[in-house]
Amino acid sequence: MVTNSIKAIRFQNKNRVAILAELDKEKRRLIQNSSMNNPGASIPLSRPALNKDFRDHAEQQHIAAQQKAALQHAHAHSSGFFITQDSSFGNLILPVLPRLDPPPPAE
Protein backbone atom coordinates (compact mmCIF):
# COMPACT_ATOMS: atom_id res chain seq x y z
CA MET A 1 0.00 0.00 0.00
CA VAL A 2 2.85 2.40 0.83
CA THR A 3 4.57 1.48 -2.44
CA ASN A 4 1.50 2.40 -4.49
CA SER A 5 1.18 5.81 -2.84
CA ILE A 6 4.89 6.49 -3.31
CA LYS A 7 4.61 5.53 -6.98
CA ALA A 8 1.65 7.87 -7.34
CA ILE A 9 3.62 10.70 -5.72
CA ARG A 10 6.59 10.04 -8.06
CA PHE A 11 4.25 10.04 -11.06
CA GLN A 12 2.75 13.37 -9.98
CA ASN A 13 6.23 14.85 -9.49
CA LYS A 14 7.32 13.75 -12.99
CA ASN A 15 4.17 15.30 -14.44
CA ARG A 16 4.84 18.60 -12.67
CA VAL A 17 8.44 18.68 -13.91
CA ALA A 18 7.28 17.96 -17.47
CA ILE A 19 4.66 20.72 -17.26
CA LEU A 20 7.20 23.21 -15.92
CA ALA A 21 9.64 22.33 -18.72
CA GLU A 22 6.90 22.76 -21.33
CA LEU A 23 5.88 26.13 -19.87
CA ASP A 24 9.50 27.30 -19.85
CA LYS A 25 9.90 26.26 -23.50
CA GLU A 26 6.71 28.10 -24.46
CA LYS A 27 7.82 31.22 -22.57
CA ARG A 28 11.17 31.22 -24.40
CA ARG A 29 9.37 30.87 -27.73
CA LEU A 30 7.07 33.80 -26.91
CA ILE A 31 9.99 35.98 -25.81
CA GLN A 32 11.87 35.14 -29.00
CA ASN A 33 8.81 35.91 -31.17
CA SER A 34 8.16 39.22 -29.41
CA SER A 35 11.77 40.35 -29.86
CA MET A 36 11.60 39.47 -33.59
CA ASN A 37 8.35 41.39 -34.04
CA ASN A 38 9.59 44.43 -32.05
CA PRO A 39 13.37 44.75 -32.59
CA GLY A 40 13.56 47.78 -30.26
CA ALA A 41 11.94 45.85 -27.42
CA SER A 42 14.81 43.49 -26.69
CA ILE A 43 14.62 43.95 -22.93
CA PRO A 44 14.80 40.56 -21.26
CA LEU A 45 11.58 39.75 -19.43
CA SER A 46 13.17 37.46 -16.87
CA ARG A 47 16.46 36.35 -15.42
CA PRO A 48 17.11 32.70 -16.33
CA ALA A 49 19.34 32.06 -13.29
CA LEU A 50 16.77 33.56 -10.92
CA ASN A 51 13.96 31.50 -12.45
CA LYS A 52 16.06 28.33 -12.21
CA ASP A 53 16.86 29.03 -8.55
CA PHE A 54 13.19 29.67 -7.84
CA ARG A 55 12.17 26.46 -9.63
CA ASP A 56 14.83 24.45 -7.76
CA HIS A 57 13.68 25.90 -4.43
CA ALA A 58 10.02 25.18 -5.23
CA GLU A 59 10.89 21.62 -6.27
CA GLN A 60 12.85 21.08 -3.04
CA GLN A 61 9.89 22.31 -0.98
CA HIS A 62 7.59 20.00 -2.94
CA ILE A 63 9.88 17.02 -2.33
CA ALA A 64 10.07 17.88 1.38
CA ALA A 65 6.27 17.95 1.55
CA GLN A 66 6.13 14.59 -0.25
CA GLN A 67 8.67 13.12 2.17
CA LYS A 68 6.67 14.34 5.15
CA ALA A 69 3.45 12.88 3.74
CA ALA A 70 5.12 9.56 2.94
CA LEU A 71 6.70 9.41 6.40
CA GLN A 72 3.38 10.12 8.14
CA HIS A 73 1.63 7.51 5.99
CA ALA A 74 4.31 4.90 6.73
CA HIS A 75 4.21 5.53 10.47
CA ALA A 76 0.40 5.36 10.50
CA HIS A 77 0.17 2.12 8.50
CA SER A 78 3.27 0.21 9.56
CA SER A 79 4.89 -0.95 12.75
CA GLY A 80 8.38 -0.26 11.35
CA PHE A 81 10.63 2.77 11.64
CA PHE A 82 11.31 5.06 8.68
CA ILE A 83 13.49 8.10 7.99
CA THR A 84 13.62 10.67 5.21
CA GLN A 85 16.80 10.33 3.22
CA ASP A 86 18.03 11.25 -0.25
CA SER A 87 18.22 8.05 -2.24
CA SER A 88 19.95 7.15 -5.48
CA PHE A 89 16.82 5.26 -6.44
CA GLY A 90 14.31 8.06 -5.82
CA ASN A 91 12.92 6.69 -2.55
CA LEU A 92 11.43 9.41 -0.37
CA ILE A 93 11.73 7.42 2.85
CA LEU A 94 13.83 4.46 3.90
CA PRO A 95 13.09 1.76 6.46
CA VAL A 96 15.41 1.63 9.46
CA LEU A 97 16.37 -1.62 11.13
CA PRO A 98 17.40 -1.33 14.77
CA ARG A 99 20.80 -2.67 15.77
CA LEU A 100 20.58 -5.39 18.32
CA ASP A 101 23.37 -6.24 20.73
CA PRO A 102 24.94 -9.58 19.90
CA PRO A 103 23.96 -12.39 22.25
CA PRO A 104 26.47 -13.19 24.97
CA PRO A 105 28.91 -15.96 24.06
CA ALA A 106 27.77 -19.44 24.99
CA GLU A 107 29.82 -21.02 27.76
PDB file of N, CA and C in Angstrom:
ATOM      1  N   MET A   1       0.821  -1.184   0.000  1.00  0.00           N
ATOM      2  CA  MET A   1       0.000   0.000   0.000  1.00  0.00           C
ATOM      3  C   MET A   1       0.871   1.256   0.000  1.00  0.00           C
ATOM      4  N   VAL A   2       1.934   1.259   0.786  1.00  0.00           N
ATOM      5  CA  VAL A   2       2.845   2.402   0.826  1.00  0.00           C
ATOM      6  C   VAL A   2       3.527   2.556  -0.526  1.00  0.00           C
ATOM      7  N   THR A   3       3.897   1.441  -1.154  1.00  0.00           N
ATOM      8  CA  THR A   3       4.570   1.482  -2.440  1.00  0.00           C
ATOM      9  C   THR A   3       3.688   2.128  -3.497  1.00  0.00           C
ATOM     10  N   ASN A   4       2.402   1.807  -3.512  1.00  0.00           N
ATOM     11  CA  ASN A   4       1.499   2.402  -4.493  1.00  0.00           C
ATOM     12  C   ASN A   4       1.383   3.902  -4.299  1.00  0.00           C
ATOM     13  N   SER A   5       1.293   4.364  -3.071  1.00  0.00           N
ATOM     14  CA  SER A   5       1.177   5.808  -2.843  1.00  0.00           C
ATOM     15  C   SER A   5       2.472   6.519  -3.191  1.00  0.00           C
ATOM     16  N   ILE A   6       3.606   5.877  -2.946  1.00  0.00           N
ATOM     17  CA  ILE A   6       4.887   6.490  -3.312  1.00  0.00           C
ATOM     18  C   ILE A   6       5.014   6.552  -4.829  1.00  0.00           C
ATOM     19  N   LYS A   7       4.589   5.506  -5.524  1.00  0.00           N
ATOM     20  CA  LYS A   7       4.613   5.527  -6.984  1.00  0.00           C
ATOM     21  C   LYS A   7       3.717   6.633  -7.520  1.00  0.00           C
ATOM     22  N   ALA A   8       2.562   6.819  -6.903  1.00  0.00           N
ATOM     23  CA  ALA A   8       1.648   7.873  -7.337  1.00  0.00           C
ATOM     24  C   ALA A   8       2.278   9.241  -7.119  1.00  0.00           C
ATOM     25  N   ILE A   9       2.959   9.425  -6.014  1.00  0.00           N
ATOM     26  CA  ILE A   9       3.621  10.695  -5.724  1.00  0.00           C
ATOM     27  C   ILE A   9       4.729  10.942  -6.747  1.00  0.00           C
ATOM     28  N   ARG A  10       5.527   9.906  -7.055  1.00  0.00           N
ATOM     29  CA  ARG A  10       6.590  10.041  -8.056  1.00  0.00           C
ATOM     30  C   ARG A  10       6.008  10.402  -9.416  1.00  0.00           C
ATOM     31  N   PHE A  11       4.890   9.765  -9.783  1.00  0.00           N
ATOM     32  CA  PHE A  11       4.251  10.041 -11.061  1.00  0.00           C
ATOM     33  C   PHE A  11       3.785  11.495 -11.117  1.00  0.00           C
ATOM     34  N   GLN A  12       3.195  11.985 -10.028  1.00  0.00           N
ATOM     35  CA  GLN A  12       2.749  13.372  -9.976  1.00  0.00           C
ATOM     36  C   GLN A  12       3.934  14.323 -10.096  1.00  0.00           C
ATOM     37  N   ASN A  13       5.045  13.996  -9.444  1.00  0.00           N
ATOM     38  CA  ASN A  13       6.230  14.846  -9.489  1.00  0.00           C
ATOM     39  C   ASN A  13       6.778  14.906 -10.912  1.00  0.00           C
ATOM     40  N   LYS A  14       6.838  13.770 -11.603  1.00  0.00           N
ATOM     41  CA  LYS A  14       7.321  13.750 -12.985  1.00  0.00           C
ATOM     42  C   LYS A  14       6.413  14.580 -13.878  1.00  0.00           C
ATOM     43  N   ASN A  15       5.099  14.495 -13.650  1.00  0.00           N
ATOM     44  CA  ASN A  15       4.167  15.302 -14.442  1.00  0.00           C
ATOM     45  C   ASN A  15       4.394  16.786 -14.209  1.00  0.00           C
ATOM     46  N   ARG A  16       4.608  17.175 -12.977  1.00  0.00           N
ATOM     47  CA  ARG A  16       4.844  18.595 -12.673  1.00  0.00           C
ATOM     48  C   ARG A  16       6.121  19.094 -13.336  1.00  0.00           C
ATOM     49  N   VAL A  17       7.172  18.294 -13.284  1.00  0.00           N
ATOM     50  CA  VAL A  17       8.441  18.684 -13.905  1.00  0.00           C
ATOM     51  C   VAL A  17       8.254  18.821 -15.410  1.00  0.00           C
ATOM     52  N   ALA A  18       7.526  17.893 -16.025  1.00  0.00           N
ATOM     53  CA  ALA A  18       7.278  17.961 -17.466  1.00  0.00           C
ATOM     54  C   ALA A  18       6.468  19.209 -17.821  1.00  0.00           C
ATOM     55  N   ILE A  19       5.475  19.526 -17.014  1.00  0.00           N
ATOM     56  CA  ILE A  19       4.659  20.721 -17.264  1.00  0.00           C
ATOM     57  C   ILE A  19       5.502  21.980 -17.129  1.00  0.00           C
ATOM     58  N   LEU A  20       6.333  22.047 -16.089  1.00  0.00           N
ATOM     59  CA  LEU A  20       7.202  23.210 -15.922  1.00  0.00           C
ATOM     60  C   LEU A  20       8.166  23.365 -17.097  1.00  0.00           C
ATOM     61  N   ALA A  21       8.728  22.265 -17.577  1.00  0.00           N
ATOM     62  CA  ALA A  21       9.635  22.332 -18.724  1.00  0.00           C
ATOM     63  C   ALA A  21       8.902  22.817 -19.969  1.00  0.00           C
ATOM     64  N   GLU A  22       7.682  22.338 -20.179  1.00  0.00           N
ATOM     65  CA  GLU A  22       6.901  22.758 -21.334  1.00  0.00           C
ATOM     66  C   GLU A  22       6.541  24.242 -21.244  1.00  0.00           C
ATOM     67  N   LEU A  23       6.180  24.711 -20.058  1.00  0.00           N
ATOM     68  CA  LEU A  23       5.879  26.134 -19.870  1.00  0.00           C
ATOM     69  C   LEU A  23       7.104  27.004 -20.115  1.00  0.00           C
ATOM     70  N   ASP A  24       8.258  26.553 -19.642  1.00  0.00           N
ATOM     71  CA  ASP A  24       9.499  27.296 -19.845  1.00  0.00           C
ATOM     72  C   ASP A  24       9.824  27.385 -21.331  1.00  0.00           C
ATOM     73  N   LYS A  25       9.647  26.277 -22.058  1.00  0.00           N
ATOM     74  CA  LYS A  25       9.899  26.257 -23.502  1.00  0.00           C
ATOM     75  C   LYS A  25       8.960  27.224 -24.229  1.00  0.00           C
ATOM     76  N   GLU A  26       7.687  27.210 -23.846  1.00  0.00           N
ATOM     77  CA  GLU A  26       6.706  28.098 -24.464  1.00  0.00           C
ATOM     78  C   GLU A  26       7.034  29.563 -24.165  1.00  0.00           C
ATOM     79  N   LYS A  27       7.458  29.848 -22.943  1.00  0.00           N
ATOM     80  CA  LYS A  27       7.825  31.215 -22.569  1.00  0.00           C
ATOM     81  C   LYS A  27       9.000  31.706 -23.408  1.00  0.00           C
ATOM     82  N   ARG A  28      10.010  30.843 -23.579  1.00  0.00           N
ATOM     83  CA  ARG A  28      11.165  31.221 -24.401  1.00  0.00           C
ATOM     84  C   ARG A  28      10.754  31.490 -25.846  1.00  0.00           C
ATOM     85  N   ARG A  29       9.835  30.673 -26.357  1.00  0.00           N
ATOM     86  CA  ARG A  29       9.366  30.869 -27.728  1.00  0.00           C
ATOM     87  C   ARG A  29       8.639  32.210 -27.845  1.00  0.00           C
ATOM     88  N   LEU A  30       7.794  32.533 -26.876  1.00  0.00           N
ATOM     89  CA  LEU A  30       7.066  33.803 -26.906  1.00  0.00           C
ATOM     90  C   LEU A  30       8.010  34.995 -26.796  1.00  0.00           C
ATOM     91  N   ILE A  31       9.012  34.890 -25.948  1.00  0.00           N
ATOM     92  CA  ILE A  31       9.993  35.979 -25.807  1.00  0.00           C
ATOM     93  C   ILE A  31      10.751  36.166 -27.115  1.00  0.00           C
ATOM     94  N   GLN A  32      11.137  35.062 -27.741  1.00  0.00           N
ATOM     95  CA  GLN A  32      11.867  35.138 -29.000  1.00  0.00           C
ATOM     96  C   GLN A  32      10.989  35.755 -30.088  1.00  0.00           C
ATOM     97  N   ASN A  33       9.722  35.356 -30.164  1.00  0.00           N
ATOM     98  CA  ASN A  33       8.814  35.911 -31.168  1.00  0.00           C
ATOM     99  C   ASN A  33       8.572  37.396 -30.937  1.00  0.00           C
ATOM    100  N   SER A  34       8.421  37.811 -29.686  1.00  0.00           N
ATOM    101  CA  SER A  34       8.156  39.224 -29.415  1.00  0.00           C
ATOM    102  C   SER A  34       9.378  40.076 -29.742  1.00  0.00           C
ATOM    103  N   SER A  35      10.579  39.562 -29.528  1.00  0.00           N
ATOM    104  CA  SER A  35      11.770  40.346 -29.859  1.00  0.00           C
ATOM    105  C   SER A  35      11.969  40.417 -31.365  1.00  0.00           C
ATOM    106  N   MET A  36      11.506  39.417 -32.127  1.00  0.00           N
ATOM    107  CA  MET A  36      11.603  39.466 -33.585  1.00  0.00           C
ATOM    108  C   MET A  36      10.587  40.445 -34.158  1.00  0.00           C
ATOM    109  N   ASN A  37       9.400  40.492 -33.560  1.00  0.00           N
ATOM    110  CA  ASN A  37       8.350  41.393 -34.037  1.00  0.00           C
ATOM    111  C   ASN A  37       8.628  42.840 -33.657  1.00  0.00           C
ATOM    112  N   ASN A  38       9.267  43.088 -32.523  1.00  0.00           N
ATOM    113  CA  ASN A  38       9.594  44.427 -32.047  1.00  0.00           C
ATOM    114  C   ASN A  38      11.097  44.493 -31.773  1.00  0.00           C
ATOM    115  N   PRO A  39      11.922  44.777 -32.802  1.00  0.00           N
ATOM    116  CA  PRO A  39      13.370  44.750 -32.595  1.00  0.00           C
ATOM    117  C   PRO A  39      13.850  45.715 -31.515  1.00  0.00           C
ATOM    118  N   GLY A  40      13.143  46.822 -31.277  1.00  0.00           N
ATOM    119  CA  GLY A  40      13.562  47.780 -30.260  1.00  0.00           C
ATOM    120  C   GLY A  40      13.243  47.310 -28.850  1.00  0.00           C
ATOM    121  N   ALA A  41      12.375  46.329 -28.733  1.00  0.00           N
ATOM    122  CA  ALA A  41      11.945  45.846 -27.422  1.00  0.00           C
ATOM    123  C   ALA A  41      12.701  44.576 -27.055  1.00  0.00           C
ATOM    124  N   SER A  42      14.007  44.675 -26.995  1.00  0.00           N
ATOM    125  CA  SER A  42      14.807  43.487 -26.693  1.00  0.00           C
ATOM    126  C   SER A  42      15.203  43.431 -25.225  1.00  0.00           C
ATOM    127  N   ILE A  43      14.376  43.996 -24.364  1.00  0.00           N
ATOM    128  CA  ILE A  43      14.624  43.952 -22.928  1.00  0.00           C
ATOM    129  C   ILE A  43      14.247  42.567 -22.424  1.00  0.00           C
ATOM    130  N   PRO A  44      15.155  41.888 -21.756  1.00  0.00           N
ATOM    131  CA  PRO A  44      14.798  40.556 -21.262  1.00  0.00           C
ATOM    132  C   PRO A  44      13.678  40.645 -20.229  1.00  0.00           C
ATOM    133  N   LEU A  45      12.718  39.743 -20.337  1.00  0.00           N
ATOM    134  CA  LEU A  45      11.577  39.753 -19.429  1.00  0.00           C
ATOM    135  C   LEU A  45      11.846  39.028 -18.122  1.00  0.00           C
ATOM    136  N   SER A  46      12.885  38.205 -18.090  1.00  0.00           N
ATOM    137  CA  SER A  46      13.173  37.464 -16.871  1.00  0.00           C
ATOM    138  C   SER A  46      14.654  37.153 -16.805  1.00  0.00           C
ATOM    139  N   ARG A  47      15.079  36.763 -15.621  1.00  0.00           N
ATOM    140  CA  ARG A  47      16.460  36.345 -15.423  1.00  0.00           C
ATOM    141  C   ARG A  47      16.483  34.823 -15.355  1.00  0.00           C
ATOM    142  N   PRO A  48      17.126  34.165 -16.325  1.00  0.00           N
ATOM    143  CA  PRO A  48      17.115  32.700 -16.327  1.00  0.00           C
ATOM    144  C   PRO A  48      17.673  32.092 -15.043  1.00  0.00           C
ATOM    145  N   ALA A  49      18.750  32.634 -14.502  1.00  0.00           N
ATOM    146  CA  ALA A  49      19.336  32.063 -13.285  1.00  0.00           C
ATOM    147  C   ALA A  49      18.372  32.204 -12.107  1.00  0.00           C
ATOM    148  N   LEU A  50      17.720  33.349 -12.006  1.00  0.00           N
ATOM    149  CA  LEU A  50      16.771  33.565 -10.919  1.00  0.00           C
ATOM    150  C   LEU A  50      15.593  32.604 -11.034  1.00  0.00           C
ATOM    151  N   ASN A  51      15.078  32.427 -12.259  1.00  0.00           N
ATOM    152  CA  ASN A  51      13.961  31.496 -12.454  1.00  0.00           C
ATOM    153  C   ASN A  51      14.376  30.072 -12.117  1.00  0.00           C
ATOM    154  N   LYS A  52      15.590  29.685 -12.503  1.00  0.00           N
ATOM    155  CA  LYS A  52      16.061  28.329 -12.215  1.00  0.00           C
ATOM    156  C   LYS A  52      16.191  28.132 -10.709  1.00  0.00           C
ATOM    157  N   ASP A  53      16.744  29.121 -10.013  1.00  0.00           N
ATOM    158  CA  ASP A  53      16.858  29.030  -8.553  1.00  0.00           C
ATOM    159  C   ASP A  53      15.484  28.919  -7.903  1.00  0.00           C
ATOM    160  N   PHE A  54      14.540  29.714  -8.383  1.00  0.00           N
ATOM    161  CA  PHE A  54      13.186  29.670  -7.842  1.00  0.00           C
ATOM    162  C   PHE A  54      12.553  28.303  -8.079  1.00  0.00           C
ATOM    163  N   ARG A  55      12.722  27.771  -9.298  1.00  0.00           N
ATOM    164  CA  ARG A  55      12.172  26.456  -9.630  1.00  0.00           C
ATOM    165  C   ARG A  55      12.803  25.376  -8.768  1.00  0.00           C
ATOM    166  N   ASP A  56      14.141  25.441  -8.593  1.00  0.00           N
ATOM    167  CA  ASP A  56      14.829  24.453  -7.758  1.00  0.00           C
ATOM    168  C   ASP A  56      14.327  24.511  -6.323  1.00  0.00           C
ATOM    169  N   HIS A  57      14.158  25.735  -5.795  1.00  0.00           N
ATOM    170  CA  HIS A  57      13.676  25.901  -4.430  1.00  0.00           C
ATOM    171  C   HIS A  57      12.253  25.351  -4.292  1.00  0.00           C
ATOM    172  N   ALA A  58      11.398  25.666  -5.269  1.00  0.00           N
ATOM    173  CA  ALA A  58      10.017  25.182  -5.235  1.00  0.00           C
ATOM    174  C   ALA A  58       9.980  23.660  -5.320  1.00  0.00           C
ATOM    175  N   GLU A  59      10.852  23.082  -6.150  1.00  0.00           N
ATOM    176  CA  GLU A  59      10.890  21.618  -6.268  1.00  0.00           C
ATOM    177  C   GLU A  59      11.373  20.983  -4.966  1.00  0.00           C
ATOM    178  N   GLN A  60      12.361  21.609  -4.308  1.00  0.00           N
ATOM    179  CA  GLN A  60      12.848  21.080  -3.036  1.00  0.00           C
ATOM    180  C   GLN A  60      11.762  21.128  -1.969  1.00  0.00           C
ATOM    181  N   GLN A  61      10.987  22.214  -1.937  1.00  0.00           N
ATOM    182  CA  GLN A  61       9.892  22.310  -0.984  1.00  0.00           C
ATOM    183  C   GLN A  61       8.836  21.244  -1.273  1.00  0.00           C
ATOM    184  N   HIS A  62       8.581  21.011  -2.552  1.00  0.00           N
ATOM    185  CA  HIS A  62       7.591  20.004  -2.937  1.00  0.00           C
ATOM    186  C   HIS A  62       8.062  18.617  -2.504  1.00  0.00           C
ATOM    187  N   ILE A  63       9.334  18.318  -2.725  1.00  0.00           N
ATOM    188  CA  ILE A  63       9.882  17.025  -2.333  1.00  0.00           C
ATOM    189  C   ILE A  63       9.819  16.869  -0.810  1.00  0.00           C
ATOM    190  N   ALA A  64      10.134  17.943  -0.079  1.00  0.00           N
ATOM    191  CA  ALA A  64      10.071  17.885   1.384  1.00  0.00           C
ATOM    192  C   ALA A  64       8.643  17.593   1.843  1.00  0.00           C
ATOM    193  N   ALA A  65       7.670  18.203   1.193  1.00  0.00           N
ATOM    194  CA  ALA A  65       6.271  17.953   1.550  1.00  0.00           C
ATOM    195  C   ALA A  65       5.895  16.504   1.229  1.00  0.00           C
ATOM    196  N   GLN A  66       6.396  15.990   0.106  1.00  0.00           N
ATOM    197  CA  GLN A  66       6.130  14.592  -0.250  1.00  0.00           C
ATOM    198  C   GLN A  66       6.766  13.650   0.764  1.00  0.00           C
ATOM    199  N   GLN A  67       7.992  13.965   1.181  1.00  0.00           N
ATOM    200  CA  GLN A  67       8.666  13.125   2.169  1.00  0.00           C
ATOM    201  C   GLN A  67       7.892  13.103   3.474  1.00  0.00           C
ATOM    202  N   LYS A  68       7.424  14.269   3.897  1.00  0.00           N
ATOM    203  CA  LYS A  68       6.672  14.345   5.147  1.00  0.00           C
ATOM    204  C   LYS A  68       5.390  13.519   5.056  1.00  0.00           C
ATOM    205  N   ALA A  69       4.688  13.634   3.925  1.00  0.00           N
ATOM    206  CA  ALA A  69       3.447  12.879   3.742  1.00  0.00           C
ATOM    207  C   ALA A  69       3.729  11.379   3.709  1.00  0.00           C
ATOM    208  N   ALA A  70       4.779  10.978   3.014  1.00  0.00           N
ATOM    209  CA  ALA A  70       5.124   9.555   2.938  1.00  0.00           C
ATOM    210  C   ALA A  70       5.518   9.021   4.313  1.00  0.00           C
ATOM    211  N   LEU A  71       6.266   9.819   5.068  1.00  0.00           N
ATOM    212  CA  LEU A  71       6.700   9.406   6.403  1.00  0.00           C
ATOM    213  C   LEU A  71       5.495   9.244   7.338  1.00  0.00           C
ATOM    214  N   GLN A  72       4.579  10.203   7.310  1.00  0.00           N
ATOM    215  CA  GLN A  72       3.381  10.120   8.141  1.00  0.00           C
ATOM    216  C   GLN A  72       2.533   8.906   7.761  1.00  0.00           C
ATOM    217  N   HIS A  73       2.406   8.660   6.453  1.00  0.00           N
ATOM    218  CA  HIS A  73       1.627   7.513   5.992  1.00  0.00           C
ATOM    219  C   HIS A  73       2.277   6.206   6.450  1.00  0.00           C
ATOM    220  N   ALA A  74       3.599   6.113   6.327  1.00  0.00           N
ATOM    221  CA  ALA A  74       4.307   4.897   6.726  1.00  0.00           C
ATOM    222  C   ALA A  74       4.180   4.652   8.224  1.00  0.00           C
ATOM    223  N   HIS A  75       4.320   5.699   9.021  1.00  0.00           N
ATOM    224  CA  HIS A  75       4.207   5.529  10.472  1.00  0.00           C
ATOM    225  C   HIS A  75       2.780   5.145  10.878  1.00  0.00           C
ATOM    226  N   ALA A  76       1.796   5.664  10.163  1.00  0.00           N
ATOM    227  CA  ALA A  76       0.405   5.363  10.503  1.00  0.00           C
ATOM    228  C   ALA A  76       0.006   3.946  10.101  1.00  0.00           C
ATOM    229  N   HIS A  77       0.606   3.409   9.043  1.00  0.00           N
ATOM    230  CA  HIS A  77       0.175   2.125   8.501  1.00  0.00           C
ATOM    231  C   HIS A  77       1.199   1.008   8.657  1.00  0.00           C
ATOM    232  N   SER A  78       2.238   1.239   9.409  1.00  0.00           N
ATOM    233  CA  SER A  78       3.268   0.213   9.557  1.00  0.00           C
ATOM    234  C   SER A  78       3.812   0.233  10.975  1.00  0.00           C
ATOM    235  N   SER A  79       4.298  -0.898  11.416  1.00  0.00           N
ATOM    236  CA  SER A  79       4.890  -0.952  12.750  1.00  0.00           C
ATOM    237  C   SER A  79       6.395  -0.713  12.695  1.00  0.00           C
ATOM    238  N   GLY A  80       6.945  -0.477  11.504  1.00  0.00           N
ATOM    239  CA  GLY A  80       8.385  -0.261  11.346  1.00  0.00           C
ATOM    240  C   GLY A  80       8.784   1.176  11.608  1.00  0.00           C
ATOM    241  N   PHE A  81      10.081   1.427  11.490  1.00  0.00           N
ATOM    242  CA  PHE A  81      10.627   2.768  11.636  1.00  0.00           C
ATOM    243  C   PHE A  81      11.137   3.237  10.286  1.00  0.00           C
ATOM    244  N   PHE A  82      10.912   4.507   9.958  1.00  0.00           N
ATOM    245  CA  PHE A  82      11.313   5.061   8.675  1.00  0.00           C
ATOM    246  C   PHE A  82      11.966   6.415   8.887  1.00  0.00           C
ATOM    247  N   ILE A  83      12.865   6.782   7.963  1.00  0.00           N
ATOM    248  CA  ILE A  83      13.492   8.101   7.992  1.00  0.00           C
ATOM    249  C   ILE A  83      13.420   8.694   6.591  1.00  0.00           C
ATOM    250  N   THR A  84      13.492  10.026   6.517  1.00  0.00           N
ATOM    251  CA  THR A  84      13.617  10.674   5.213  1.00  0.00           C
ATOM    252  C   THR A  84      15.097  10.701   4.874  1.00  0.00           C
ATOM    253  N   GLN A  85      15.403  10.411   3.633  1.00  0.00           N
ATOM    254  CA  GLN A  85      16.802  10.326   3.215  1.00  0.00           C
ATOM    255  C   GLN A  85      16.862  10.447   1.701  1.00  0.00           C
ATOM    256  N   ASP A  86      17.828  11.211   1.191  1.00  0.00           N
ATOM    257  CA  ASP A  86      18.030  11.246  -0.249  1.00  0.00           C
ATOM    258  C   ASP A  86      18.486   9.869  -0.694  1.00  0.00           C
ATOM    259  N   SER A  87      17.921   9.392  -1.781  1.00  0.00           N
ATOM    260  CA  SER A  87      18.216   8.048  -2.245  1.00  0.00           C
ATOM    261  C   SER A  87      18.599   8.081  -3.718  1.00  0.00           C
ATOM    262  N   SER A  88      19.550   7.260  -4.085  1.00  0.00           N
ATOM    263  CA  SER A  88      19.953   7.153  -5.484  1.00  0.00           C
ATOM    264  C   SER A  88      18.838   6.577  -6.337  1.00  0.00           C
ATOM    265  N   PHE A  89      17.886   5.917  -5.711  1.00  0.00           N
ATOM    266  CA  PHE A  89      16.817   5.258  -6.441  1.00  0.00           C
ATOM    267  C   PHE A  89      15.496   6.025  -6.385  1.00  0.00           C
ATOM    268  N   GLY A  90      15.506   7.234  -5.850  1.00  0.00           N
ATOM    269  CA  GLY A  90      14.305   8.057  -5.816  1.00  0.00           C
ATOM    270  C   GLY A  90      13.350   7.747  -4.684  1.00  0.00           C
ATOM    271  N   ASN A  91      13.787   6.977  -3.698  1.00  0.00           N
ATOM    272  CA  ASN A  91      12.923   6.688  -2.552  1.00  0.00           C
ATOM    273  C   ASN A  91      12.825   7.920  -1.665  1.00  0.00           C
ATOM    274  N   LEU A  92      11.625   8.249  -1.235  1.00  0.00           N
ATOM    275  CA  LEU A  92      11.435   9.410  -0.373  1.00  0.00           C
ATOM    276  C   LEU A  92      11.740   9.086   1.082  1.00  0.00           C
ATOM    277  N   ILE A  93      11.451   7.855   1.489  1.00  0.00           N
ATOM    278  CA  ILE A  93      11.733   7.424   2.851  1.00  0.00           C
ATOM    279  C   ILE A  93      12.407   6.064   2.792  1.00  0.00           C
ATOM    280  N   LEU A  94      13.142   5.745   3.827  1.00  0.00           N
ATOM    281  CA  LEU A  94      13.830   4.460   3.903  1.00  0.00           C
ATOM    282  C   LEU A  94      13.501   3.783   5.226  1.00  0.00           C
ATOM    283  N   PRO A  95      13.334   2.470   5.196  1.00  0.00           N
ATOM    284  CA  PRO A  95      13.092   1.761   6.456  1.00  0.00           C
ATOM    285  C   PRO A  95      14.386   1.680   7.256  1.00  0.00           C
ATOM    286  N   VAL A  96      14.252   1.698   8.569  1.00  0.00           N
ATOM    287  CA  VAL A  96      15.414   1.628   9.456  1.00  0.00           C
ATOM    288  C   VAL A  96      15.284   0.365  10.297  1.00  0.00           C
ATOM    289  N   LEU A  97      16.347  -0.414  10.307  1.00  0.00           N
ATOM    290  CA  LEU A  97      16.365  -1.624  11.130  1.00  0.00           C
ATOM    291  C   LEU A  97      17.184  -1.337  12.374  1.00  0.00           C
ATOM    292  N   PRO A  98      16.642  -1.616  13.551  1.00  0.00           N
ATOM    293  CA  PRO A  98      17.401  -1.334  14.774  1.00  0.00           C
ATOM    294  C   PRO A  98      18.585  -2.291  14.905  1.00  0.00           C
ATOM    295  N   ARG A  99      19.643  -1.806  15.486  1.00  0.00           N
ATOM    296  CA  ARG A  99      20.801  -2.666  15.772  1.00  0.00           C
ATOM    297  C   ARG A  99      20.562  -3.351  17.097  1.00  0.00           C
ATOM    298  N   LEU A 100      20.759  -4.626  17.094  1.00  0.00           N
ATOM    299  CA  LEU A 100      20.576  -5.388  18.319  1.00  0.00           C
ATOM    300  C   LEU A 100      21.967  -5.807  18.845  1.00  0.00           C
ATOM    301  N   ASP A 101      22.108  -5.783  20.141  1.00  0.00           N
ATOM    302  CA  ASP A 101      23.365  -6.237  20.729  1.00  0.00           C
ATOM    303  C   ASP A 101      23.523  -7.724  20.446  1.00  0.00           C
ATOM    304  N   PRO A 102      24.747  -8.136  20.150  1.00  0.00           N
ATOM    305  CA  PRO A 102      24.945  -9.581  19.903  1.00  0.00           C
ATOM    306  C   PRO A 102      24.688 -10.368  21.182  1.00  0.00           C
ATOM    307  N   PRO A 103      24.226 -11.583  21.056  1.00  0.00           N
ATOM    308  CA  PRO A 103      23.964 -12.390  22.252  1.00  0.00           C
ATOM    309  C   PRO A 103      25.280 -12.682  22.960  1.00  0.00           C
ATOM    310  N   PRO A 104      25.233 -12.875  24.261  1.00  0.00           N
ATOM    311  CA  PRO A 104      26.470 -13.195  24.974  1.00  0.00           C
ATOM    312  C   PRO A 104      27.017 -14.541  24.507  1.00  0.00           C
ATOM    313  N   PRO A 105      28.316 -14.691  24.530  1.00  0.00           N
ATOM    314  CA  PRO A 105      28.907 -15.961  24.057  1.00  0.00           C
ATOM    315  C   PRO A 105      28.451 -17.129  24.936  1.00  0.00           C
ATOM    316  N   ALA A 106      28.196 -18.232  24.267  1.00  0.00           N
ATOM    317  CA  ALA A 106      27.765 -19.436  24.994  1.00  0.00           C
ATOM    318  C   ALA A 106      28.956 -20.033  25.730  1.00  0.00           C
ATOM    319  N   GLU A 107      28.732 -20.446  26.961  1.00  0.00           N
ATOM    320  CA  GLU A 107      29.822 -21.024  27.764  1.00  0.00           C
ATOM    321  C   GLU A 107      29.685 -22.487  27.920  1.00  0.00           C
TER     322      GLU A 107
END
